[in-house]
Amino acid sequence: MNTMTNIPQPTEAPMLTTYDARDLIREGSQICILLDGQQYFLRITRAGKLILTK
C-alpha cells in the first residue's frame, strides 16, 4: 500500500550576524579569539583561506 507522508519543507534560515574576516584581522594576518578562557587563533593564509587553530 502506497501512503503519502508529510515531509517537512525546508524553512528559511535565520539571519546570521556576518563579519568580514579582513575587517576582524585589520593589521597582520592573525587574531586571537577567546572562548571560555581558551585561546584560538584565526589566520588568513597567503592563498586567502581561513585557518582556526587552538
PDB file of N, CA and C in Angstrom:
ATOM      1  N   MET A   1       0.835  -1.176   0.000  1.00  0.00           N
ATOM      2  CA  MET A   1       0.000   0.000   0.000  1.00  0.00           C
ATOM      3  C   MET A   1       0.883   1.244   0.000  1.00  0.00           C
ATOM      4  N   ASN A   2       0.584   2.163  -0.857  1.00  0.00           N
ATOM      5  CA  ASN A   2       1.368   3.371  -1.007  1.00  0.00           C
ATOM      6  C   ASN A   2       0.700   4.504  -0.239  1.00  0.00           C
ATOM      7  N   THR A   3       1.330   4.965   0.835  1.00  0.00           N
ATOM      8  CA  THR A   3       0.768   6.082   1.593  1.00  0.00           C
ATOM      9  C   THR A   3       1.708   7.263   1.512  1.00  0.00           C
ATOM     10  N   MET A   4       1.139   8.433   1.467  1.00  0.00           N
ATOM     11  CA  MET A   4       1.960   9.644   1.434  1.00  0.00           C
ATOM     12  C   MET A   4       2.212  10.107   2.856  1.00  0.00           C
ATOM     13  N   THR A   5       3.428  10.480   3.106  1.00  0.00           N
ATOM     14  CA  THR A   5       3.763  11.009   4.428  1.00  0.00           C
ATOM     15  C   THR A   5       4.057  12.486   4.299  1.00  0.00           C
ATOM     16  N   ASN A   6       3.863  13.191   5.380  1.00  0.00           N
ATOM     17  CA  ASN A   6       4.170  14.616   5.390  1.00  0.00           C
ATOM     18  C   ASN A   6       5.668  14.803   5.582  1.00  0.00           C
ATOM     19  N   ILE A   7       6.313  15.335   4.575  1.00  0.00           N
ATOM     20  CA  ILE A   7       7.737  15.624   4.659  1.00  0.00           C
ATOM     21  C   ILE A   7       7.869  17.110   4.961  1.00  0.00           C
ATOM     22  N   PRO A   8       8.568  17.440   6.067  1.00  0.00           N
ATOM     23  CA  PRO A   8       8.689  18.859   6.400  1.00  0.00           C
ATOM     24  C   PRO A   8       9.425  19.612   5.302  1.00  0.00           C
ATOM     25  N   GLN A   9       8.919  20.780   4.974  1.00  0.00           N
ATOM     26  CA  GLN A   9       9.533  21.631   3.963  1.00  0.00           C
ATOM     27  C   GLN A   9      10.649  22.441   4.617  1.00  0.00           C
ATOM     28  N   PRO A  10      11.729  22.669   3.868  1.00  0.00           N
ATOM     29  CA  PRO A  10      12.809  23.482   4.445  1.00  0.00           C
ATOM     30  C   PRO A  10      12.304  24.882   4.763  1.00  0.00           C
ATOM     31  N   THR A  11      12.760  25.394   5.879  1.00  0.00           N
ATOM     32  CA  THR A  11      12.371  26.745   6.273  1.00  0.00           C
ATOM     33  C   THR A  11      13.513  27.702   5.972  1.00  0.00           C
ATOM     34  N   GLU A  12      13.199  28.945   5.895  1.00  0.00           N
ATOM     35  CA  GLU A  12      14.216  29.945   5.628  1.00  0.00           C
ATOM     36  C   GLU A  12      15.156  30.034   6.822  1.00  0.00           C
ATOM     37  N   ALA A  13      16.453  30.086   6.548  1.00  0.00           N
ATOM     38  CA  ALA A  13      17.449  30.160   7.614  1.00  0.00           C
ATOM     39  C   ALA A  13      17.370  31.524   8.302  1.00  0.00           C
ATOM     40  N   PRO A  14      17.568  31.545   9.620  1.00  0.00           N
ATOM     41  CA  PRO A  14      17.549  32.834  10.320  1.00  0.00           C
ATOM     42  C   PRO A  14      18.746  33.684   9.879  1.00  0.00           C
ATOM     43  N   MET A  15      18.586  34.983   9.951  1.00  0.00           N
ATOM     44  CA  MET A  15      19.674  35.893   9.598  1.00  0.00           C
ATOM     45  C   MET A  15      20.825  35.716  10.579  1.00  0.00           C
ATOM     46  N   LEU A  16      22.013  35.581  10.055  1.00  0.00           N
ATOM     47  CA  LEU A  16      23.200  35.438  10.889  1.00  0.00           C
ATOM     48  C   LEU A  16      23.995  36.737  10.866  1.00  0.00           C
ATOM     49  N   THR A  17      24.579  37.075  12.000  1.00  0.00           N
ATOM     50  CA  THR A  17      25.487  38.204  12.024  1.00  0.00           C
ATOM     51  C   THR A  17      26.701  37.829  11.191  1.00  0.00           C
ATOM     52  N   THR A  18      27.079  38.695  10.267  1.00  0.00           N
ATOM     53  CA  THR A  18      28.176  38.392   9.354  1.00  0.00           C
ATOM     54  C   THR A  18      29.313  39.384   9.553  1.00  0.00           C
ATOM     55  N   TYR A  19      30.527  38.859   9.637  1.00  0.00           N
ATOM     56  CA  TYR A  19      31.724  39.675   9.763  1.00  0.00           C
ATOM     57  C   TYR A  19      32.648  39.356   8.599  1.00  0.00           C
ATOM     58  N   ASP A  20      33.261  40.371   8.039  1.00  0.00           N
ATOM     59  CA  ASP A  20      34.276  40.163   7.019  1.00  0.00           C
ATOM     60  C   ASP A  20      35.582  39.859   7.745  1.00  0.00           C
ATOM     61  N   ALA A  21      36.220  38.754   7.420  1.00  0.00           N
ATOM     62  CA  ALA A  21      37.440  38.336   8.110  1.00  0.00           C
ATOM     63  C   ALA A  21      38.522  39.400   8.015  1.00  0.00           C
ATOM     64  N   ARG A  22      38.580  40.097   6.895  1.00  0.00           N
ATOM     65  CA  ARG A  22      39.610  41.136   6.737  1.00  0.00           C
ATOM     66  C   ARG A  22      39.328  42.338   7.645  1.00  0.00           C
ATOM     67  N   ASP A  23      38.062  42.555   8.013  1.00  0.00           N
ATOM     68  CA  ASP A  23      37.744  43.600   8.984  1.00  0.00           C
ATOM     69  C   ASP A  23      38.156  43.168  10.390  1.00  0.00           C
ATOM     70  N   LEU A  24      38.020  41.877  10.687  1.00  0.00           N
ATOM     71  CA  LEU A  24      38.434  41.370  12.000  1.00  0.00           C
ATOM     72  C   LEU A  24      39.952  41.383  12.141  1.00  0.00           C
ATOM     73  N   ILE A  25      40.631  41.012  11.063  1.00  0.00           N
ATOM     74  CA  ILE A  25      42.093  40.947  11.072  1.00  0.00           C
ATOM     75  C   ILE A  25      42.593  42.183  10.323  1.00  0.00           C
ATOM     76  N   ARG A  26      42.584  43.311  10.997  1.00  0.00           N
ATOM     77  CA  ARG A  26      42.894  44.590  10.336  1.00  0.00           C
ATOM     78  C   ARG A  26      44.369  44.748  10.042  1.00  0.00           C
ATOM     79  N   GLU A  27      45.207  44.372  10.984  1.00  0.00           N
ATOM     80  CA  GLU A  27      46.655  44.503  10.795  1.00  0.00           C
ATOM     81  C   GLU A  27      47.269  43.122  10.907  1.00  0.00           C
ATOM     82  N   GLY A  28      48.147  42.802  10.009  1.00  0.00           N
ATOM     83  CA  GLY A  28      48.768  41.485  10.026  1.00  0.00           C
ATOM     84  C   GLY A  28      47.865  40.464   9.374  1.00  0.00           C
ATOM     85  N   SER A  29      48.018  39.211   9.802  1.00  0.00           N
ATOM     86  CA  SER A  29      47.230  38.142   9.184  1.00  0.00           C
ATOM     87  C   SER A  29      46.610  37.207  10.216  1.00  0.00           C
ATOM     88  N   GLN A  30      46.653  37.578  11.506  1.00  0.00           N
ATOM     89  CA  GLN A  30      46.172  36.671  12.545  1.00  0.00           C
ATOM     90  C   GLN A  30      45.582  37.450  13.713  1.00  0.00           C
ATOM     91  N   ILE A  31      44.530  36.878  14.325  1.00  0.00           N
ATOM     92  CA  ILE A  31      43.975  37.434  15.561  1.00  0.00           C
ATOM     93  C   ILE A  31      43.782  36.307  16.565  1.00  0.00           C
ATOM     94  N   CYS A  32      43.649  36.690  17.824  1.00  0.00           N
ATOM     95  CA  CYS A  32      43.372  35.741  18.893  1.00  0.00           C
ATOM     96  C   CYS A  32      41.912  35.915  19.299  1.00  0.00           C
ATOM     97  N   ILE A  33      41.196  34.787  19.401  1.00  0.00           N
ATOM     98  CA  ILE A  33      39.791  34.793  19.822  1.00  0.00           C
ATOM     99  C   ILE A  33      39.706  33.995  21.114  1.00  0.00           C
ATOM    100  N   LEU A  34      39.072  34.567  22.135  1.00  0.00           N
ATOM    101  CA  LEU A  34      38.906  33.876  23.415  1.00  0.00           C
ATOM    102  C   LEU A  34      37.513  33.290  23.522  1.00  0.00           C
ATOM    103  N   LEU A  35      37.445  32.047  24.003  1.00  0.00           N
ATOM    104  CA  LEU A  35      36.173  31.380  24.264  1.00  0.00           C
ATOM    105  C   LEU A  35      36.322  30.567  25.539  1.00  0.00           C
ATOM    106  N   ASP A  36      35.596  30.952  26.567  1.00  0.00           N
ATOM    107  CA  ASP A  36      35.643  30.253  27.855  1.00  0.00           C
ATOM    108  C   ASP A  36      37.072  30.081  28.364  1.00  0.00           C
ATOM    109  N   GLY A  37      37.869  31.134  28.234  1.00  0.00           N
ATOM    110  CA  GLY A  37      39.241  31.103  28.739  1.00  0.00           C
ATOM    111  C   GLY A  37      40.228  30.399  27.822  1.00  0.00           C
ATOM    112  N   GLN A  38      39.777  29.863  26.714  1.00  0.00           N
ATOM    113  CA  GLN A  38      40.660  29.179  25.759  1.00  0.00           C
ATOM    114  C   GLN A  38      41.002  30.145  24.626  1.00  0.00           C
ATOM    115  N   GLN A  39      42.256  30.110  24.180  1.00  0.00           N
ATOM    116  CA  GLN A  39      42.693  30.948  23.082  1.00  0.00           C
ATOM    117  C   GLN A  39      42.618  30.179  21.762  1.00  0.00           C
ATOM    118  N   TYR A  40      42.054  30.824  20.757  1.00  0.00           N
ATOM    119  CA  TYR A  40      42.012  30.286  19.399  1.00  0.00           C
ATOM    120  C   TYR A  40      42.605  31.346  18.489  1.00  0.00           C
ATOM    121  N   PHE A  41      43.276  30.905  17.440  1.00  0.00           N
ATOM    122  CA  PHE A  41      43.918  31.834  16.520  1.00  0.00           C
ATOM    123  C   PHE A  41      43.298  31.685  15.144  1.00  0.00           C
ATOM    124  N   LEU A  42      42.824  32.801  14.617  1.00  0.00           N
ATOM    125  CA  LEU A  42      42.240  32.839  13.286  1.00  0.00           C
ATOM    126  C   LEU A  42      43.252  33.508  12.372  1.00  0.00           C
ATOM    127  N   ARG A  43      43.605  32.801  11.292  1.00  0.00           N
ATOM    128  CA  ARG A  43      44.662  33.280  10.406  1.00  0.00           C
ATOM    129  C   ARG A  43      44.197  33.238   8.964  1.00  0.00           C
ATOM    130  N   ILE A  44      44.573  34.261   8.206  1.00  0.00           N
ATOM    131  CA  ILE A  44      44.335  34.271   6.767  1.00  0.00           C
ATOM    132  C   ILE A  44      45.638  33.834   6.098  1.00  0.00           C
ATOM    133  N   THR A  45      45.580  32.780   5.292  1.00  0.00           N
ATOM    134  CA  THR A  45      46.776  32.280   4.621  1.00  0.00           C
ATOM    135  C   THR A  45      47.086  33.130   3.393  1.00  0.00           C
ATOM    136  N   ARG A  46      48.257  32.918   2.813  1.00  0.00           N
ATOM    137  CA  ARG A  46      48.634  33.636   1.589  1.00  0.00           C
ATOM    138  C   ARG A  46      47.681  33.318   0.451  1.00  0.00           C
ATOM    139  N   ALA A  47      47.091  32.124   0.500  1.00  0.00           N
ATOM    140  CA  ALA A  47      46.141  31.710  -0.549  1.00  0.00           C
ATOM    141  C   ALA A  47      44.738  32.259  -0.304  1.00  0.00           C
ATOM    142  N   GLY A  48      44.555  33.027   0.792  1.00  0.00           N
ATOM    143  CA  GLY A  48      43.249  33.621   1.072  1.00  0.00           C
ATOM    144  C   GLY A  48      42.297  32.691   1.788  1.00  0.00           C
ATOM    145  N   LYS A  49      42.796  31.629   2.404  1.00  0.00           N
ATOM    146  CA  LYS A  49      41.969  30.699   3.177  1.00  0.00           C
ATOM    147  C   LYS A  49      42.009  31.075   4.644  1.00  0.00           C
ATOM    148  N   LEU A  50      40.982  30.654   5.389  1.00  0.00           N
ATOM    149  CA  LEU A  50      40.950  30.883   6.837  1.00  0.00           C
ATOM    150  C   LEU A  50      41.317  29.602   7.570  1.00  0.00           C
ATOM    151  N   ILE A  51      42.146  29.738   8.603  1.00  0.00           N
ATOM    152  CA  ILE A  51      42.508  28.596   9.444  1.00  0.00           C
ATOM    153  C   ILE A  51      42.279  29.006  10.889  1.00  0.00           C
ATOM    154  N   LEU A  52      41.547  28.181  11.633  1.00  0.00           N
ATOM    155  CA  LEU A  52      41.300  28.400  13.059  1.00  0.00           C
ATOM    156  C   LEU A  52      42.025  27.302  13.822  1.00  0.00           C
ATOM    157  N   THR A  53      42.959  27.685  14.707  1.00  0.00           N
ATOM    158  CA  THR A  53      43.708  26.710  15.481  1.00  0.00           C
ATOM    159  C   THR A  53      43.619  27.060  16.962  1.00  0.00           C
ATOM    160  N   LYS A  54      43.888  26.078  17.785  1.00  0.00           N
ATOM    161  CA  LYS A  54      43.864  26.262  19.228  1.00  0.00           C
ATOM    162  C   LYS A  54      45.276  26.452  19.726  1.00  0.00           C
TER     163      LYS A  54
END
